[in-house]
C-alpha atoms as a PDB file:
ATOM      1  CA  MET A   1     -51.707 -13.758 -17.503  1.00  0.00           C
ATOM      2  CA  ILE A   2     -48.972 -12.530 -15.170  1.00  0.00           C
ATOM      3  CA  ARG A   3     -47.267 -14.987 -12.859  1.00  0.00           C
ATOM      4  CA  ASP A   4     -45.090 -14.415  -9.872  1.00  0.00           C
ATOM      5  CA  VAL A   5     -41.590 -15.720 -10.527  1.00  0.00           C
ATOM      6  CA  SER A   6     -41.716 -17.696  -7.302  1.00  0.00           C
ATOM      7  CA  GLU A   7     -44.561 -19.770  -8.744  1.00  0.00           C
ATOM      8  CA  THR A   8     -42.721 -20.830 -11.870  1.00  0.00           C
ATOM      9  CA  GLN A   9     -40.726 -23.997 -12.025  1.00  0.00           C
ATOM     10  CA  THR A  10     -37.620 -24.382 -14.062  1.00  0.00           C
ATOM     11  CA  GLU A  11     -36.305 -27.546 -15.578  1.00  0.00           C
ATOM     12  CA  THR A  12     -32.701 -28.292 -16.214  1.00  0.00           C
ATOM     13  CA  GLN A  13     -31.937 -30.684 -18.992  1.00  0.00           C
ATOM     14  CA  ILE A  14     -28.574 -32.315 -19.238  1.00  0.00           C
ATOM     15  CA  GLY A  15     -27.620 -33.414 -22.709  1.00  0.00           C
ATOM     16  CA  THR A  16     -25.649 -36.503 -23.545  1.00  0.00           C
ATOM     17  CA  GLY A  17     -23.031 -34.578 -25.539  1.00  0.00           C
ATOM     18  CA  SER A  18     -19.654 -33.451 -24.334  1.00  0.00           C
ATOM     19  CA  GLN A  19     -18.549 -29.982 -23.427  1.00  0.00           C
ATOM     20  CA  THR A  20     -15.159 -28.435 -24.107  1.00  0.00           C
ATOM     21  CA  VAL A  21     -13.844 -25.632 -21.956  1.00  0.00           C
ATOM     22  CA  LEU A  22     -11.203 -23.500 -23.602  1.00  0.00           C
ATOM     23  CA  ASP A  23      -8.822 -21.777 -21.220  1.00  0.00           C
ATOM     24  CA  GLU A  24      -7.148 -18.960 -23.125  1.00  0.00           C
ATOM     25  CA  ARG A  25      -4.158 -17.262 -21.568  1.00  0.00           C
ATOM     26  CA  THR A  26      -1.838 -14.766 -23.115  1.00  0.00           C
ATOM     27  CA  GLU A  27       1.755 -14.989 -22.034  1.00  0.00           C
ATOM     28  CA  TYR A  28       3.955 -11.970 -22.517  1.00  0.00           C
ATOM     29  CA  ARG A  29       7.702 -11.881 -22.701  1.00  0.00           C
ATOM     30  CA  TYR A  30       8.759  -8.781 -20.849  1.00  0.00           C
ATOM     31  CA  ASP A  31      11.850  -6.959 -21.979  1.00  0.00           C
ATOM     32  CA  GLU A  32      14.853  -6.521 -19.761  1.00  0.00           C
ATOM     33  CA  GLY A  33      17.912  -4.337 -19.923  1.00  0.00           C
ATOM     34  CA  ASP A  34      18.404  -0.626 -20.540  1.00  0.00           C
ATOM     35  CA  HIS A  35      14.707  -0.088 -21.278  1.00  0.00           C
ATOM     36  CA  GLU A  36      14.116  -0.103 -17.515  1.00  0.00           C
ATOM     37  CA  ARG A  37      16.049   3.149 -17.151  1.00  0.00           C
ATOM     38  CA  PHE A  38      13.739   5.211 -19.368  1.00  0.00           C
ATOM     39  CA  SER A  39      10.212   6.551 -19.664  1.00  0.00           C
ATOM     40  CA  HIS A  40       8.545   5.304 -22.834  1.00  0.00           C
ATOM     41  CA  TYR A  41       5.879   6.678 -25.163  1.00  0.00           C
ATOM     42  CA  VAL A  42       2.615   4.726 -25.279  1.00  0.00           C
ATOM     43  CA  PRO A  43      -0.946   5.787 -26.195  1.00  0.00           C
ATOM     44  CA  LYS A  44      -2.487   7.565 -23.186  1.00  0.00           C
ATOM     45  CA  GLU A  45      -5.663   5.430 -23.183  1.00  0.00           C
ATOM     46  CA  LYS A  46      -3.563   2.250 -23.210  1.00  0.00           C
ATOM     47  CA  LEU A  47      -1.457   3.529 -20.314  1.00  0.00           C
ATOM     48  CA  THR A  48      -4.536   4.322 -18.223  1.00  0.00           C
ATOM     49  CA  GLU A  49      -6.002   0.883 -18.920  1.00  0.00           C
ATOM     50  CA  ALA A  50      -2.691  -0.800 -18.082  1.00  0.00           C
ATOM     51  CA  MET A  51      -2.354   1.048 -14.788  1.00  0.00           C
ATOM     52  CA  VAL A  52      -5.889   0.062 -13.754  1.00  0.00           C
ATOM     53  CA  MET A  53      -6.049  -3.488 -15.138  1.00  0.00           C
ATOM     54  CA  GLY A  54      -2.388  -4.496 -14.881  1.00  0.00           C
ATOM     55  CA  THR A  55      -2.141  -5.321 -18.575  1.00  0.00           C
ATOM     56  CA  PRO A  56       1.067  -4.865 -20.573  1.00  0.00           C
ATOM     57  CA  VAL A  57       1.610  -1.999 -23.001  1.00  0.00           C
ATOM     58  CA  VAL A  58       3.857  -1.694 -26.051  1.00  0.00           C
ATOM     59  CA  ALA A  59       6.023   1.422 -26.343  1.00  0.00           C
ATOM     60  CA  LEU A  60       6.916   3.046 -29.659  1.00  0.00           C
ATOM     61  CA  CYS A  61      10.380   1.485 -29.374  1.00  0.00           C
ATOM     62  CA  GLY A  62       8.847  -1.998 -28.986  1.00  0.00           C
ATOM     63  CA  LYS A  63       9.343  -2.482 -25.244  1.00  0.00           C
ATOM     64  CA  ILE A  64       6.554  -4.511 -23.614  1.00  0.00           C
ATOM     65  CA  TRP A  65       5.908  -4.090 -19.896  1.00  0.00           C
ATOM     66  CA  VAL A  66       3.297  -3.527 -17.229  1.00  0.00           C
ATOM     67  CA  PRO A  67       3.696   0.075 -16.064  1.00  0.00           C
ATOM     68  CA  SER A  68       3.871   0.524 -12.317  1.00  0.00           C
ATOM     69  CA  ARG A  69       6.250   3.437 -11.696  1.00  0.00           C
ATOM     70  CA  ASN A  70       6.007   7.184 -12.083  1.00  0.00           C
ATOM     71  CA  PRO A  71       7.526   7.878 -15.530  1.00  0.00           C
ATOM     72  CA  ASP A  72       8.494  11.420 -14.503  1.00  0.00           C
ATOM     73  CA  ARG A  73      11.390   9.974 -12.504  1.00  0.00           C
ATOM     74  CA  PHE A  74      13.195   8.709 -15.617  1.00  0.00           C
ATOM     75  CA  PRO A  75      14.587  10.288 -18.796  1.00  0.00           C
ATOM     76  CA  VAL A  76      12.679   9.727 -22.045  1.00  0.00           C
ATOM     77  CA  CYS A  77      13.727   6.695 -24.095  1.00  0.00           C
ATOM     78  CA  PRO A  78      15.846   7.980 -27.013  1.00  0.00           C
ATOM     79  CA  GLN A  79      14.273   5.501 -29.446  1.00  0.00           C
ATOM     80  CA  CYS A  80      10.714   6.451 -28.451  1.00  0.00           C
ATOM     81  CA  LYS A  81      11.591  10.142 -28.700  1.00  0.00           C
ATOM     82  CA  GLU A  82      13.111   9.715 -32.161  1.00  0.00           C
ATOM     83  CA  ILE A  83      10.090   7.761 -33.417  1.00  0.00           C
ATOM     84  CA  TRP A  84       7.645  10.279 -31.899  1.00  0.00           C
ATOM     85  CA  GLU A  85       9.461  13.239 -33.457  1.00  0.00           C
ATOM     86  CA  SER A  86       9.525  11.569 -36.874  1.00  0.00           C
ATOM     87  CA  MET A  87       5.772  10.899 -36.604  1.00  0.00           C
ATOM     88  CA  ARG A  88       5.034  14.503 -35.612  1.00  0.00           C
ATOM     89  CA  SER A  89       7.125  15.989 -38.405  1.00  0.00           C
ATOM     90  CA  GLY A  90       5.497  13.735 -40.985  1.00  0.00           C
ATOM     91  CA  ASP A  91       8.823  12.311 -42.164  1.00  0.00           C
ATOM     92  CA  GLY A  92       8.403   9.681 -44.814  1.00  0.00           C
ATOM     93  CA  ASP A  93       4.663   9.966 -45.406  1.00  0.00           C
ATOM     94  CA  GLY A  94       4.392  13.544 -46.622  1.00  0.00           C
ATOM     95  CA  GLY A  95       1.639  14.347 -44.116  1.00  0.00           C
ATOM     96  CA  ASP A  96       1.375  15.985 -40.751  1.00  0.00           C
ATOM     97  CA  ALA A  97       0.667  13.626 -37.851  1.00  0.00           C
ATOM     98  CA  GLU A  98      -0.731  16.318 -35.520  1.00  0.00           C
END
């Protein structure tokens, strides 16, 4: 038998138990200082998500921030560049990261 939804009645039961609402928030401590003067290396998919959603990213050097500026206007962070080059050359792990 098929019924029209408008014909059905729904019942709402309220239990006698308690309900706990958990409000989870993540607080980030944003870095300050010389990091603001550089462009940093982050995974491309994380950067895109951060630009759209306004979520923070973590650079190779450890800087945490919400990207909002054009990175082409700044020089590359020396720490990020050094880490990136060591990853690409395979230093320390004997493999090639490309």
